[in-house]
Amino acid sequence: MIALDPRQAAFEAVAASPERPGTAILFDSADIRLLVFRIGPGQRVAPHQNPSTVTLTVLSGEGLLSGRDGERLCRAGDVVVYDPSEPHGMRATDSELHLLAAITPRPGGRVSPAALARAEAV
């Protein structure tokens, strides 16, 4: 068992620059990647796509999540699921927004044991 604290990880997430949201990988395996976001007031993550299913859980704060159907207000406790390749983005409004993103399958996919054996044989 692995116990994780996404709220604390989001609070401590570091940004590459003060203008950008903070992010951190919380967990990474062949099946799933868990990321946390700390998005400051007025900051955003521009809409983008991922070939995997993305599930966003709002840990704290309030903001707007965008998807194929437009934007929707989100608050702590909300969970939003995006289909594979569905454009999605997020932005904080007046307060900091902390999110947990579950990406499954993990970006890069999962290599089957048979495919790995074939690659090693070459």
PDB file of N, CA and C in Angstrom:
ATOM      1  N   MET A   1       0.841  -1.175   0.000  1.00  0.00           N
ATOM      2  CA  MET A   1       0.000   0.000   0.000  1.00  0.00           C
ATOM      3  C   MET A   1       0.889   1.242   0.000  1.00  0.00           C
ATOM      4  N   ILE A   2       0.462   2.230  -0.758  1.00  0.00           N
ATOM      5  CA  ILE A   2       1.149   3.521  -0.799  1.00  0.00           C
ATOM      6  C   ILE A   2       0.139   4.589  -0.410  1.00  0.00           C
ATOM      7  N   ALA A   3       0.415   5.318   0.650  1.00  0.00           N
ATOM      8  CA  ALA A   3      -0.469   6.392   1.089  1.00  0.00           C
ATOM      9  C   ALA A   3       0.081   7.721   0.577  1.00  0.00           C
ATOM     10  N   LEU A   4      -0.767   8.504  -0.051  1.00  0.00           N
ATOM     11  CA  LEU A   4      -0.369   9.783  -0.650  1.00  0.00           C
ATOM     12  C   LEU A   4      -1.197  10.913  -0.049  1.00  0.00           C
ATOM     13  N   ASP A   5      -0.636  12.104  -0.025  1.00  0.00           N
ATOM     14  CA  ASP A   5      -1.340  13.277   0.487  1.00  0.00           C
ATOM     15  C   ASP A   5      -1.410  14.331  -0.625  1.00  0.00           C
ATOM     16  N   PRO A   6      -2.403  14.243  -1.513  1.00  0.00           N
ATOM     17  CA  PRO A   6      -2.456  15.172  -2.644  1.00  0.00           C
ATOM     18  C   PRO A   6      -2.670  16.623  -2.223  1.00  0.00           C
ATOM     19  N   ARG A   7      -3.379  16.861  -1.130  1.00  0.00           N
ATOM     20  CA  ARG A   7      -3.597  18.247  -0.687  1.00  0.00           C
ATOM     21  C   ARG A   7      -2.272  18.908  -0.312  1.00  0.00           C
ATOM     22  N   GLN A   8      -1.445  18.203   0.444  1.00  0.00           N
ATOM     23  CA  GLN A   8      -0.153  18.757   0.841  1.00  0.00           C
ATOM     24  C   GLN A   8       0.760  18.907  -0.374  1.00  0.00           C
ATOM     25  N   ALA A   9       0.749  17.916  -1.261  1.00  0.00           N
ATOM     26  CA  ALA A   9       1.583  17.986  -2.468  1.00  0.00           C
ATOM     27  C   ALA A   9       1.177  19.165  -3.341  1.00  0.00           C
ATOM     28  N   ALA A  10      -0.128  19.431  -3.463  1.00  0.00           N
ATOM     29  CA  ALA A  10      -0.584  20.569  -4.266  1.00  0.00           C
ATOM     30  C   ALA A  10      -0.156  21.878  -3.619  1.00  0.00           C
ATOM     31  N   PHE A  11      -0.272  21.954  -2.308  1.00  0.00           N
ATOM     32  CA  PHE A  11       0.125  23.162  -1.594  1.00  0.00           C
ATOM     33  C   PHE A  11       1.605  23.460  -1.798  1.00  0.00           C
ATOM     34  N   GLU A  12       2.431  22.402  -1.882  1.00  0.00           N
ATOM     35  CA  GLU A  12       3.879  22.553  -2.031  1.00  0.00           C
ATOM     36  C   GLU A  12       4.352  22.555  -3.482  1.00  0.00           C
ATOM     37  N   ALA A  13       3.455  22.372  -4.450  1.00  0.00           N
ATOM     38  CA  ALA A  13       3.854  22.290  -5.864  1.00  0.00           C
ATOM     39  C   ALA A  13       4.591  23.555  -6.291  1.00  0.00           C
ATOM     40  N   VAL A  14       5.653  23.364  -7.047  1.00  0.00           N
ATOM     41  CA  VAL A  14       6.527  24.455  -7.461  1.00  0.00           C
ATOM     42  C   VAL A  14       6.318  24.749  -8.944  1.00  0.00           C
ATOM     43  N   ALA A  15       6.345  26.038  -9.277  1.00  0.00           N
ATOM     44  CA  ALA A  15       6.201  26.471 -10.671  1.00  0.00           C
ATOM     45  C   ALA A  15       7.569  26.806 -11.250  1.00  0.00           C
ATOM     46  N   ALA A  16       7.693  26.651 -12.563  1.00  0.00           N
ATOM     47  CA  ALA A  16       8.934  26.996 -13.253  1.00  0.00           C
ATOM     48  C   ALA A  16       9.190  28.503 -13.209  1.00  0.00           C
ATOM     49  N   SER A  17       8.121  29.282 -13.140  1.00  0.00           N
ATOM     50  CA  SER A  17       8.225  30.737 -13.018  1.00  0.00           C
ATOM     51  C   SER A  17       6.995  31.223 -12.263  1.00  0.00           C
ATOM     52  N   PRO A  18       7.052  32.438 -11.687  1.00  0.00           N
ATOM     53  CA  PRO A  18       5.910  32.937 -10.898  1.00  0.00           C
ATOM     54  C   PRO A  18       4.622  33.093 -11.699  1.00  0.00           C
ATOM     55  N   GLU A  19       4.734  33.204 -13.009  1.00  0.00           N
ATOM     56  CA  GLU A  19       3.535  33.376 -13.849  1.00  0.00           C
ATOM     57  C   GLU A  19       2.840  32.058 -14.165  1.00  0.00           C
ATOM     58  N   ARG A  20       3.505  30.941 -13.881  1.00  0.00           N
ATOM     59  CA  ARG A  20       2.970  29.632 -14.259  1.00  0.00           C
ATOM     60  C   ARG A  20       2.420  28.884 -13.046  1.00  0.00           C
ATOM     61  N   PRO A  21       1.437  28.018 -13.259  1.00  0.00           N
ATOM     62  CA  PRO A  21       0.925  27.190 -12.160  1.00  0.00           C
ATOM     63  C   PRO A  21       2.001  26.218 -11.664  1.00  0.00           C
ATOM     64  N   GLY A  22       1.912  25.865 -10.379  1.00  0.00           N
ATOM     65  CA  GLY A  22       2.796  24.855  -9.824  1.00  0.00           C
ATOM     66  C   GLY A  22       2.254  23.468 -10.120  1.00  0.00           C
ATOM     67  N   THR A  23       3.157  22.531 -10.402  1.00  0.00           N
ATOM     68  CA  THR A  23       2.759  21.146 -10.668  1.00  0.00           C
ATOM     69  C   THR A  23       3.745  20.201  -9.996  1.00  0.00           C
ATOM     70  N   ALA A  24       3.291  18.997  -9.726  1.00  0.00           N
ATOM     71  CA  ALA A  24       4.159  17.951  -9.192  1.00  0.00           C
ATOM     72  C   ALA A  24       3.555  16.599  -9.527  1.00  0.00           C
ATOM     73  N   ILE A  25       4.416  15.646  -9.871  1.00  0.00           N
ATOM     74  CA  ILE A  25       3.961  14.271 -10.063  1.00  0.00           C
ATOM     75  C   ILE A  25       3.869  13.639  -8.679  1.00  0.00           C
ATOM     76  N   LEU A  26       2.687  13.182  -8.337  1.00  0.00           N
ATOM     77  CA  LEU A  26       2.436  12.571  -7.036  1.00  0.00           C
ATOM     78  C   LEU A  26       2.732  11.074  -7.063  1.00  0.00           C
ATOM     79  N   PHE A  27       2.420  10.440  -8.196  1.00  0.00           N
ATOM     80  CA  PHE A  27       2.618   8.996  -8.351  1.00  0.00           C
ATOM     81  C   PHE A  27       2.705   8.696  -9.836  1.00  0.00           C
ATOM     82  N   ASP A  28       3.552   7.736 -10.190  1.00  0.00           N
ATOM     83  CA  ASP A  28       3.715   7.368 -11.596  1.00  0.00           C
ATOM     84  C   ASP A  28       3.963   5.871 -11.682  1.00  0.00           C
ATOM     85  N   SER A  29       3.126   5.178 -12.427  1.00  0.00           N
ATOM     86  CA  SER A  29       3.300   3.741 -12.642  1.00  0.00           C
ATOM     87  C   SER A  29       2.954   3.430 -14.084  1.00  0.00           C
ATOM     88  N   ALA A  30       3.052   2.180 -14.454  1.00  0.00           N
ATOM     89  CA  ALA A  30       2.723   1.784 -15.821  1.00  0.00           C
ATOM     90  C   ALA A  30       1.240   1.991 -16.132  1.00  0.00           C
ATOM     91  N   ASP A  31       0.385   2.035 -15.091  1.00  0.00           N
ATOM     92  CA  ASP A  31      -1.053   2.119 -15.303  1.00  0.00           C
ATOM     93  C   ASP A  31      -1.641   3.514 -15.146  1.00  0.00           C
ATOM     94  N   ILE A  32      -1.009   4.347 -14.307  1.00  0.00           N
ATOM     95  CA  ILE A  32      -1.617   5.634 -13.981  1.00  0.00           C
ATOM     96  C   ILE A  32      -0.541   6.652 -13.610  1.00  0.00           C
ATOM     97  N   ARG A  33      -0.808   7.894 -13.931  1.00  0.00           N
ATOM     98  CA  ARG A  33       0.022   9.007 -13.454  1.00  0.00           C
ATOM     99  C   ARG A  33      -0.894   9.941 -12.676  1.00  0.00           C
ATOM    100  N   LEU A  34      -0.471  10.306 -11.458  1.00  0.00           N
ATOM    101  CA  LEU A  34      -1.197  11.263 -10.633  1.00  0.00           C
ATOM    102  C   LEU A  34      -0.376  12.538 -10.547  1.00  0.00           C
ATOM    103  N   LEU A  35      -0.993  13.649 -10.926  1.00  0.00           N
ATOM    104  CA  LEU A  35      -0.346  14.961 -10.867  1.00  0.00           C
ATOM    105  C   LEU A  35      -1.180  15.879 -10.000  1.00  0.00           C
ATOM    106  N   VAL A  36      -0.512  16.823  -9.358  1.00  0.00           N
ATOM    107  CA  VAL A  36      -1.235  17.871  -8.647  1.00  0.00           C
ATOM    108  C   VAL A  36      -0.898  19.211  -9.283  1.00  0.00           C
ATOM    109  N   PHE A  37      -1.865  20.110  -9.230  1.00  0.00           N
ATOM    110  CA  PHE A  37      -1.714  21.466  -9.762  1.00  0.00           C
ATOM    111  C   PHE A  37      -2.025  22.465  -8.663  1.00  0.00           C
ATOM    112  N   ARG A  38      -1.226  23.505  -8.578  1.00  0.00           N
ATOM    113  CA  ARG A  38      -1.494  24.662  -7.712  1.00  0.00           C
ATOM    114  C   ARG A  38      -1.573  25.857  -8.658  1.00  0.00           C
ATOM    115  N   ILE A  39      -2.805  26.296  -8.919  1.00  0.00           N
ATOM    116  CA  ILE A  39      -3.051  27.357  -9.903  1.00  0.00           C
ATOM    117  C   ILE A  39      -3.454  28.614  -9.134  1.00  0.00           C
ATOM    118  N   GLY A  40      -2.622  29.649  -9.243  1.00  0.00           N
ATOM    119  CA  GLY A  40      -2.865  30.887  -8.524  1.00  0.00           C
ATOM    120  C   GLY A  40      -3.989  31.700  -9.130  1.00  0.00           C
ATOM    121  N   PRO A  41      -4.537  32.660  -8.382  1.00  0.00           N
ATOM    122  CA  PRO A  41      -5.611  33.511  -8.907  1.00  0.00           C
ATOM    123  C   PRO A  41      -5.216  34.123 -10.247  1.00  0.00           C
ATOM    124  N   GLY A  42      -6.079  33.940 -11.237  1.00  0.00           N
ATOM    125  CA  GLY A  42      -5.827  34.477 -12.569  1.00  0.00           C
ATOM    126  C   GLY A  42      -4.941  33.605 -13.447  1.00  0.00           C
ATOM    127  N   GLN A  43      -4.299  32.580 -12.893  1.00  0.00           N
ATOM    128  CA  GLN A  43      -3.466  31.687 -13.702  1.00  0.00           C
ATOM    129  C   GLN A  43      -4.328  30.643 -14.385  1.00  0.00           C
ATOM    130  N   ARG A  44      -3.738  30.034 -15.427  1.00  0.00           N
ATOM    131  CA  ARG A  44      -4.485  29.012 -16.153  1.00  0.00           C
ATOM    132  C   ARG A  44      -3.552  27.969 -16.733  1.00  0.00           C
ATOM    133  N   VAL A  45      -4.113  26.832 -17.022  1.00  0.00           N
ATOM    134  CA  VAL A  45      -3.476  25.814 -17.835  1.00  0.00           C
ATOM    135  C   VAL A  45      -4.263  25.823 -19.140  1.00  0.00           C
ATOM    136  N   ALA A  46      -3.598  26.185 -20.219  1.00  0.00           N
ATOM    137  CA  ALA A  46      -4.269  26.322 -21.517  1.00  0.00           C
ATOM    138  C   ALA A  46      -4.882  24.986 -21.947  1.00  0.00           C
ATOM    139  N   PRO A  47      -5.982  25.049 -22.685  1.00  0.00           N
ATOM    140  CA  PRO A  47      -6.586  23.810 -23.181  1.00  0.00           C
ATOM    141  C   PRO A  47      -5.568  22.991 -23.979  1.00  0.00           C
ATOM    142  N   HIS A  48      -5.596  21.694 -23.725  1.00  0.00           N
ATOM    143  CA  HIS A  48      -4.704  20.751 -24.392  1.00  0.00           C
ATOM    144  C   HIS A  48      -5.419  19.407 -24.464  1.00  0.00           C
ATOM    145  N   GLN A  49      -4.823  18.451 -25.152  1.00  0.00           N
ATOM    146  CA  GLN A  49      -5.414  17.127 -25.314  1.00  0.00           C
ATOM    147  C   GLN A  49      -4.444  16.073 -24.808  1.00  0.00           C
ATOM    148  N   ASN A  50      -5.004  14.939 -24.455  1.00  0.00           N
ATOM    149  CA  ASN A  50      -4.227  13.812 -23.994  1.00  0.00           C
ATOM    150  C   ASN A  50      -4.890  12.556 -24.547  1.00  0.00           C
ATOM    151  N   PRO A  51      -4.128  11.581 -25.026  1.00  0.00           N
ATOM    152  CA  PRO A  51      -4.764  10.374 -25.560  1.00  0.00           C
ATOM    153  C   PRO A  51      -5.390   9.480 -24.490  1.00  0.00           C
ATOM    154  N   SER A  52      -5.194   9.819 -23.230  1.00  0.00           N
ATOM    155  CA  SER A  52      -5.720   9.029 -22.113  1.00  0.00           C
ATOM    156  C   SER A  52      -6.972   9.676 -21.527  1.00  0.00           C
ATOM    157  N   THR A  53      -7.665   8.942 -20.674  1.00  0.00           N
ATOM    158  CA  THR A  53      -8.749   9.503 -19.882  1.00  0.00           C
ATOM    159  C   THR A  53      -8.131  10.345 -18.772  1.00  0.00           C
ATOM    160  N   VAL A  54      -8.659  11.546 -18.553  1.00  0.00           N
ATOM    161  CA  VAL A  54      -8.164  12.441 -17.504  1.00  0.00           C
ATOM    162  C   VAL A  54      -9.307  12.692 -16.533  1.00  0.00           C
ATOM    163  N   THR A  55      -9.037  12.448 -15.251  1.00  0.00           N
ATOM    164  CA  THR A  55     -10.008  12.720 -14.194  1.00  0.00           C
ATOM    165  C   THR A  55      -9.424  13.795 -13.292  1.00  0.00           C
ATOM    166  N   LEU A  56     -10.139  14.910 -13.146  1.00  0.00           N
ATOM    167  CA  LEU A  56      -9.701  16.003 -12.278  1.00  0.00           C
ATOM    168  C   LEU A  56     -10.567  16.024 -11.023  1.00  0.00           C
ATOM    169  N   THR A  57      -9.910  16.051  -9.873  1.00  0.00           N
ATOM    170  CA  THR A  57     -10.589  16.188  -8.592  1.00  0.00           C
ATOM    171  C   THR A  57     -10.163  17.525  -7.994  1.00  0.00           C
ATOM    172  N   VAL A  58     -11.132  18.354  -7.642  1.00  0.00           N
ATOM    173  CA  VAL A  58     -10.832  19.651  -7.040  1.00  0.00           C
ATOM    174  C   VAL A  58     -10.571  19.418  -5.559  1.00  0.00           C
ATOM    175  N   LEU A  59      -9.324  19.686  -5.141  1.00  0.00           N
ATOM    176  CA  LEU A  59      -8.926  19.481  -3.748  1.00  0.00           C
ATOM    177  C   LEU A  59      -9.312  20.670  -2.880  1.00  0.00           C
ATOM    178  N   SER A  60      -9.112  21.883  -3.404  1.00  0.00           N
ATOM    179  CA  SER A  60      -9.488  23.093  -2.676  1.00  0.00           C
ATOM    180  C   SER A  60      -9.572  24.251  -3.646  1.00  0.00           C
ATOM    181  N   GLY A  61     -10.260  25.302  -3.220  1.00  0.00           N
ATOM    182  CA  GLY A  61     -10.402  26.491  -4.044  1.00  0.00           C
ATOM    183  C   GLY A  61     -11.578  26.417  -4.987  1.00  0.00           C
ATOM    184  N   GLU A  62     -11.561  27.331  -5.927  1.00  0.00           N
ATOM    185  CA  GLU A  62     -12.641  27.463  -6.897  1.00  0.00           C
ATOM    186  C   GLU A  62     -12.037  27.934  -8.204  1.00  0.00           C
ATOM    187  N   GLY A  63     -12.611  27.485  -9.308  1.00  0.00           N
ATOM    188  CA  GLY A  63     -12.106  27.908 -10.607  1.00  0.00           C
ATOM    189  C   GLY A  63     -13.020  27.459 -11.717  1.00  0.00           C
ATOM    190  N   LEU A  64     -12.484  27.474 -12.918  1.00  0.00           N
ATOM    191  CA  LEU A  64     -13.237  27.071 -14.106  1.00  0.00           C
ATOM    192  C   LEU A  64     -12.484  25.955 -14.813  1.00  0.00           C
ATOM    193  N   LEU A  65     -13.220  24.913 -15.175  1.00  0.00           N
ATOM    194  CA  LEU A  65     -12.674  23.823 -15.972  1.00  0.00           C
ATOM    195  C   LEU A  65     -13.325  23.888 -17.335  1.00  0.00           C
ATOM    196  N   SER A  66     -12.522  23.737 -18.375  1.00  0.00           N
ATOM    197  CA  SER A  66     -13.076  23.786 -19.724  1.00  0.00           C
ATOM    198  C   SER A  66     -12.943  22.426 -20.385  1.00  0.00           C
ATOM    199  N   GLY A  67     -13.868  22.170 -21.279  1.00  0.00           N
ATOM    200  CA  GLY A  67     -13.884  20.922 -22.034  1.00  0.00           C
ATOM    201  C   GLY A  67     -14.663  21.126 -23.318  1.00  0.00           C
ATOM    202  N   ARG A  68     -14.996  20.035 -23.935  1.00  0.00           N
ATOM    203  CA  ARG A  68     -15.694  20.084 -25.228  1.00  0.00           C
ATOM    204  C   ARG A  68     -17.013  20.850 -25.133  1.00  0.00           C
ATOM    205  N   ASP A  69     -17.654  20.851 -23.953  1.00  0.00           N
ATOM    206  CA  ASP A  69     -18.951  21.509 -23.784  1.00  0.00           C
ATOM    207  C   ASP A  69     -18.846  22.920 -23.211  1.00  0.00           C
ATOM    208  N   GLY A  70     -17.647  23.503 -23.188  1.00  0.00           N
ATOM    209  CA  GLY A  70     -17.475  24.847 -22.658  1.00  0.00           C
ATOM    210  C   GLY A  70     -16.853  24.819 -21.271  1.00  0.00           C
ATOM    211  N   GLU A  71     -17.078  25.894 -20.514  1.00  0.00           N
ATOM    212  CA  GLU A  71     -16.512  26.009 -19.174  1.00  0.00           C
ATOM    213  C   GLU A  71     -17.570  25.736 -18.122  1.00  0.00           C
ATOM    214  N   ARG A  72     -17.099  25.226 -16.973  1.00  0.00           N
ATOM    215  CA  ARG A  72     -18.006  25.057 -15.839  1.00  0.00           C
ATOM    216  C   ARG A  72     -17.265  25.410 -14.573  1.00  0.00           C
ATOM    217  N   LEU A  73     -18.002  26.007 -13.645  1.00  0.00           N
ATOM    218  CA  LEU A  73     -17.457  26.353 -12.341  1.00  0.00           C
ATOM    219  C   LEU A  73     -17.173  25.069 -11.565  1.00  0.00           C
ATOM    220  N   CYS A  74     -16.054  25.048 -10.855  1.00  0.00           N
ATOM    221  CA  CYS A  74     -15.733  23.888 -10.027  1.00  0.00           C
ATOM    222  C   CYS A  74     -15.341  24.357  -8.634  1.00  0.00           C
ATOM    223  N   ARG A  75     -15.632  23.510  -7.645  1.00  0.00           N
ATOM    224  CA  ARG A  75     -15.319  23.795  -6.237  1.00  0.00           C
ATOM    225  C   ARG A  75     -14.774  22.526  -5.601  1.00  0.00           C
ATOM    226  N   ALA A  76     -14.197  22.690  -4.411  1.00  0.00           N
ATOM    227  CA  ALA A  76     -13.650  21.551  -3.675  1.00  0.00           C
ATOM    228  C   ALA A  76     -14.652  20.408  -3.615  1.00  0.00           C
ATOM    229  N   GLY A  77     -14.175  19.221  -3.930  1.00  0.00           N
ATOM    230  CA  GLY A  77     -15.018  18.028  -3.921  1.00  0.00           C
ATOM    231  C   GLY A  77     -15.536  17.623  -5.287  1.00  0.00           C
ATOM    232  N   ASP A  78     -15.527  18.543  -6.253  1.00  0.00           N
ATOM    233  CA  ASP A  78     -16.009  18.206  -7.598  1.00  0.00           C
ATOM    234  C   ASP A  78     -15.030  17.267  -8.299  1.00  0.00           C
ATOM    235  N   VAL A  79     -15.579  16.374  -9.113  1.00  0.00           N
ATOM    236  CA  VAL A  79     -14.787  15.459  -9.933  1.00  0.00           C
ATOM    237  C   VAL A  79     -15.300  15.582 -11.362  1.00  0.00           C
ATOM    238  N   VAL A  80     -14.375  15.805 -12.307  1.00  0.00           N
ATOM    239  CA  VAL A  80     -14.731  15.953 -13.716  1.00  0.00           C
ATOM    240  C   VAL A  80     -13.879  14.977 -14.521  1.00  0.00           C
ATOM    241  N   VAL A  81     -14.518  14.223 -15.423  1.00  0.00           N
ATOM    242  CA  VAL A  81     -13.821  13.229 -16.237  1.00  0.00           C
ATOM    243  C   VAL A  81     -13.852  13.667 -17.694  1.00  0.00           C
ATOM    244  N   TYR A  82     -12.681  13.616 -18.334  1.00  0.00           N
ATOM    245  CA  TYR A  82     -12.547  13.952 -19.752  1.00  0.00           C
ATOM    246  C   TYR A  82     -12.250  12.678 -20.531  1.00  0.00           C
ATOM    247  N   ASP A  83     -12.950  12.516 -21.660  1.00  0.00           N
ATOM    248  CA  ASP A  83     -12.706  11.381 -22.542  1.00  0.00           C
ATOM    249  C   ASP A  83     -11.321  11.493 -23.170  1.00  0.00           C
ATOM    250  N   PRO A  84     -10.764  10.365 -23.619  1.00  0.00           N
ATOM    251  CA  PRO A  84      -9.490  10.437 -24.339  1.00  0.00           C
ATOM    252  C   PRO A  84      -9.578  11.433 -25.502  1.00  0.00           C
ATOM    253  N   SER A  85      -8.543  12.236 -25.651  1.00  0.00           N
ATOM    254  CA  SER A  85      -8.407  13.248 -26.714  1.00  0.00           C
ATOM    255  C   SER A  85      -9.369  14.422 -26.582  1.00  0.00           C
ATOM    256  N   GLU A  86     -10.135  14.501 -25.495  1.00  0.00           N
ATOM    257  CA  GLU A  86     -11.016  15.653 -25.296  1.00  0.00           C
ATOM    258  C   GLU A  86     -10.178  16.846 -24.816  1.00  0.00           C
ATOM    259  N   PRO A  87     -10.286  17.990 -25.487  1.00  0.00           N
ATOM    260  CA  PRO A  87      -9.547  19.162 -25.005  1.00  0.00           C
ATOM    261  C   PRO A  87     -10.018  19.548 -23.603  1.00  0.00           C
ATOM    262  N   HIS A  88      -9.059  19.918 -22.754  1.00  0.00           N
ATOM    263  CA  HIS A  88      -9.396  20.321 -21.386  1.00  0.00           C
ATOM    264  C   HIS A  88      -8.391  21.357 -20.902  1.00  0.00           C
ATOM    265  N   GLY A  89      -8.884  22.263 -20.075  1.00  0.00           N
ATOM    266  CA  GLY A  89      -8.041  23.307 -19.501  1.00  0.00           C
ATOM    267  C   GLY A  89      -8.625  23.702 -18.158  1.00  0.00           C
ATOM    268  N   MET A  90      -7.867  24.485 -17.399  1.00  0.00           N
ATOM    269  CA  MET A  90      -8.344  24.907 -16.100  1.00  0.00           C
ATOM    270  C   MET A  90      -7.780  26.270 -15.753  1.00  0.00           C
ATOM    271  N   ARG A  91      -8.557  27.021 -14.973  1.00  0.00           N
ATOM    272  CA  ARG A  91      -8.061  28.316 -14.513  1.00  0.00           C
ATOM    273  C   ARG A  91      -8.679  28.660 -13.175  1.00  0.00           C
ATOM    274  N   ALA A  92      -7.866  29.344 -12.373  1.00  0.00           N
ATOM    275  CA  ALA A  92      -8.325  29.792 -11.064  1.00  0.00           C
ATOM    276  C   ALA A  92      -9.028  31.133 -11.245  1.00  0.00           C
ATOM    277  N   THR A  93      -9.972  31.418 -10.386  1.00  0.00           N
ATOM    278  CA  THR A  93     -10.665  32.706 -10.434  1.00  0.00           C
ATOM    279  C   THR A  93     -10.048  33.614  -9.361  1.00  0.00           C
ATOM    280  N   ASP A  94     -10.716  33.806  -8.246  1.00  0.00           N
ATOM    281  CA  ASP A  94     -10.247  34.738  -7.212  1.00  0.00           C
ATOM    282  C   ASP A  94      -9.370  34.102  -6.142  1.00  0.00           C
ATOM    283  N   SER A  95      -9.328  32.783  -6.094  1.00  0.00           N
ATOM    284  CA  SER A  95      -8.532  32.102  -5.073  1.00  0.00           C
ATOM    285  C   SER A  95      -7.663  31.035  -5.732  1.00  0.00           C
ATOM    286  N   GLU A  96      -6.717  30.510  -4.971  1.00  0.00           N
ATOM    287  CA  GLU A  96      -5.865  29.449  -5.493  1.00  0.00           C
ATOM    288  C   GLU A  96      -6.708  28.194  -5.708  1.00  0.00           C
ATOM    289  N   LEU A  97      -6.428  27.485  -6.784  1.00  0.00           N
ATOM    290  CA  LEU A  97      -7.152  26.270  -7.149  1.00  0.00           C
ATOM    291  C   LEU A  97      -6.171  25.103  -7.088  1.00  0.00           C
ATOM    292  N   HIS A  98      -6.504  24.083  -6.290  1.00  0.00           N
ATOM    293  CA  HIS A  98      -5.665  22.890  -6.172  1.00  0.00           C
ATOM    294  C   HIS A  98      -6.415  21.714  -6.788  1.00  0.00           C
ATOM    295  N   LEU A  99      -5.753  21.028  -7.720  1.00  0.00           N
ATOM    296  CA  LEU A  99      -6.374  19.916  -8.436  1.00  0.00           C
ATOM    297  C   LEU A  99      -5.506  18.673  -8.354  1.00  0.00           C
ATOM    298  N   LEU A 100      -6.148  17.520  -8.362  1.00  0.00           N
ATOM    299  CA  LEU A 100      -5.488  16.233  -8.541  1.00  0.00           C
ATOM    300  C   LEU A 100      -5.931  15.698  -9.892  1.00  0.00           C
ATOM    301  N   ALA A 101      -4.979  15.390 -10.766  1.00  0.00           N
ATOM    302  CA  ALA A 101      -5.281  14.822 -12.080  1.00  0.00           C
ATOM    303  C   ALA A 101      -4.836  13.371 -12.106  1.00  0.00           C
ATOM    304  N   ALA A 102      -5.746  12.487 -12.494  1.00  0.00           N
ATOM    305  CA  ALA A 102      -5.431  11.072 -12.694  1.00  0.00           C
ATOM    306  C   ALA A 102      -5.488  10.818 -14.195  1.00  0.00           C
ATOM    307  N   ILE A 103      -4.370  10.386 -14.759  1.00  0.00           N
ATOM    308  CA  ILE A 103      -4.271  10.148 -16.193  1.00  0.00           C
ATOM    309  C   ILE A 103      -4.076   8.651 -16.384  1.00  0.00           C
ATOM    310  N   THR A 104      -5.065   8.030 -17.071  1.00  0.00           N
ATOM    311  CA  THR A 104      -5.007   6.590 -17.252  1.00  0.00           C
ATOM    312  C   THR A 104      -5.519   6.201 -18.636  1.00  0.00           C
ATOM    313  N   PRO A 105      -4.858   5.334 -19.372  1.00  0.00           N
ATOM    314  CA  PRO A 105      -3.555   4.800 -18.992  1.00  0.00           C
ATOM    315  C   PRO A 105      -2.492   5.901 -18.987  1.00  0.00           C
ATOM    316  N   ARG A 106      -1.442   5.621 -18.272  1.00  0.00           N
ATOM    317  CA  ARG A 106      -0.329   6.563 -18.134  1.00  0.00           C
ATOM    318  C   ARG A 106       0.157   6.991 -19.514  1.00  0.00           C
ATOM    319  N   PRO A 107       0.518   8.276 -19.664  1.00  0.00           N
ATOM    320  CA  PRO A 107       1.058   8.730 -20.957  1.00  0.00           C
ATOM    321  C   PRO A 107       2.217   7.834 -21.400  1.00  0.00           C
ATOM    322  N   GLY A 108       2.227   7.522 -22.673  1.00  0.00           N
ATOM    323  CA  GLY A 108       3.249   6.618 -23.190  1.00  0.00           C
ATOM    324  C   GLY A 108       2.755   5.189 -23.274  1.00  0.00           C
ATOM    325  N   GLY A 109       1.601   4.954 -22.661  1.00  0.00           N
ATOM    326  CA  GLY A 109       1.001   3.631 -22.733  1.00  0.00           C
ATOM    327  C   GLY A 109       1.731   2.606 -21.899  1.00  0.00           C
ATOM    328  N   ARG A 110       1.243   1.428 -21.961  1.00  0.00           N
ATOM    329  CA  ARG A 110       1.812   0.313 -21.211  1.00  0.00           C
ATOM    330  C   ARG A 110       2.295  -0.725 -22.211  1.00  0.00           C
ATOM    331  N   VAL A 111       3.494  -1.186 -22.032  1.00  0.00           N
ATOM    332  CA  VAL A 111       4.058  -2.186 -22.936  1.00  0.00           C
ATOM    333  C   VAL A 111       3.747  -3.566 -22.380  1.00  0.00           C
ATOM    334  N   SER A 112       3.163  -4.412 -23.217  1.00  0.00           N
ATOM    335  CA  SER A 112       2.843  -5.767 -22.770  1.00  0.00           C
ATOM    336  C   SER A 112       4.133  -6.573 -22.629  1.00  0.00           C
ATOM    337  N   PRO A 113       4.144  -7.587 -21.762  1.00  0.00           N
ATOM    338  CA  PRO A 113       5.349  -8.420 -21.617  1.00  0.00           C
ATOM    339  C   PRO A 113       5.770  -9.064 -22.944  1.00  0.00           C
ATOM    340  N   ALA A 114       4.805  -9.467 -23.775  1.00  0.00           N
ATOM    341  CA  ALA A 114       5.147 -10.087 -25.060  1.00  0.00           C
ATOM    342  C   ALA A 114       5.833  -9.077 -25.984  1.00  0.00           C
ATOM    343  N   ALA A 115       5.315  -7.831 -26.025  1.00  0.00           N
ATOM    344  CA  ALA A 115       5.929  -6.818 -26.882  1.00  0.00           C
ATOM    345  C   ALA A 115       7.333  -6.469 -26.372  1.00  0.00           C
ATOM    346  N   LEU A 116       7.512  -6.448 -25.069  1.00  0.00           N
ATOM    347  CA  LEU A 116       8.817  -6.159 -24.491  1.00  0.00           C
ATOM    348  C   LEU A 116       9.810  -7.267 -24.846  1.00  0.00           C
ATOM    349  N   ALA A 117       9.378  -8.505 -24.777  1.00  0.00           N
ATOM    350  CA  ALA A 117      10.240  -9.641 -25.124  1.00  0.00           C
ATOM    351  C   ALA A 117      10.647  -9.596 -26.590  1.00  0.00           C
ATOM    352  N   ARG A 118       9.692  -9.235 -27.470  1.00  0.00           N
ATOM    353  CA  ARG A 118      10.017  -9.122 -28.907  1.00  0.00           C
ATOM    354  C   ARG A 118      11.036  -8.019 -29.134  1.00  0.00           C
ATOM    355  N   ALA A 119      10.885  -6.873 -28.453  1.00  0.00           N
ATOM    356  CA  ALA A 119      11.811  -5.748 -28.627  1.00  0.00           C
ATOM    357  C   ALA A 119      13.221  -6.109 -28.139  1.00  0.00           C
ATOM    358  N   GLU A 120      13.291  -6.865 -27.038  1.00  0.00           N
ATOM    359  CA  GLU A 120      14.599  -7.260 -26.505  1.00  0.00           C
ATOM    360  C   GLU A 120      15.285  -8.274 -27.387  1.00  0.00           C
ATOM    361  N   ALA A 121      14.495  -9.068 -28.151  1.00  0.00           N
ATOM    362  CA  ALA A 121      15.067 -10.102 -29.015  1.00  0.00           C
ATOM    363  C   ALA A 121      15.703  -9.523 -30.266  1.00  0.00           C
ATOM    364  N   VAL A 122      15.351  -8.302 -30.620  1.00  0.00           N
ATOM    365  CA  VAL A 122      15.859  -7.685 -31.860  1.00  0.00           C
ATOM    366  C   VAL A 122      17.271  -7.185 -31.704  1.00  0.00           C
TER     367      VAL A 122
END
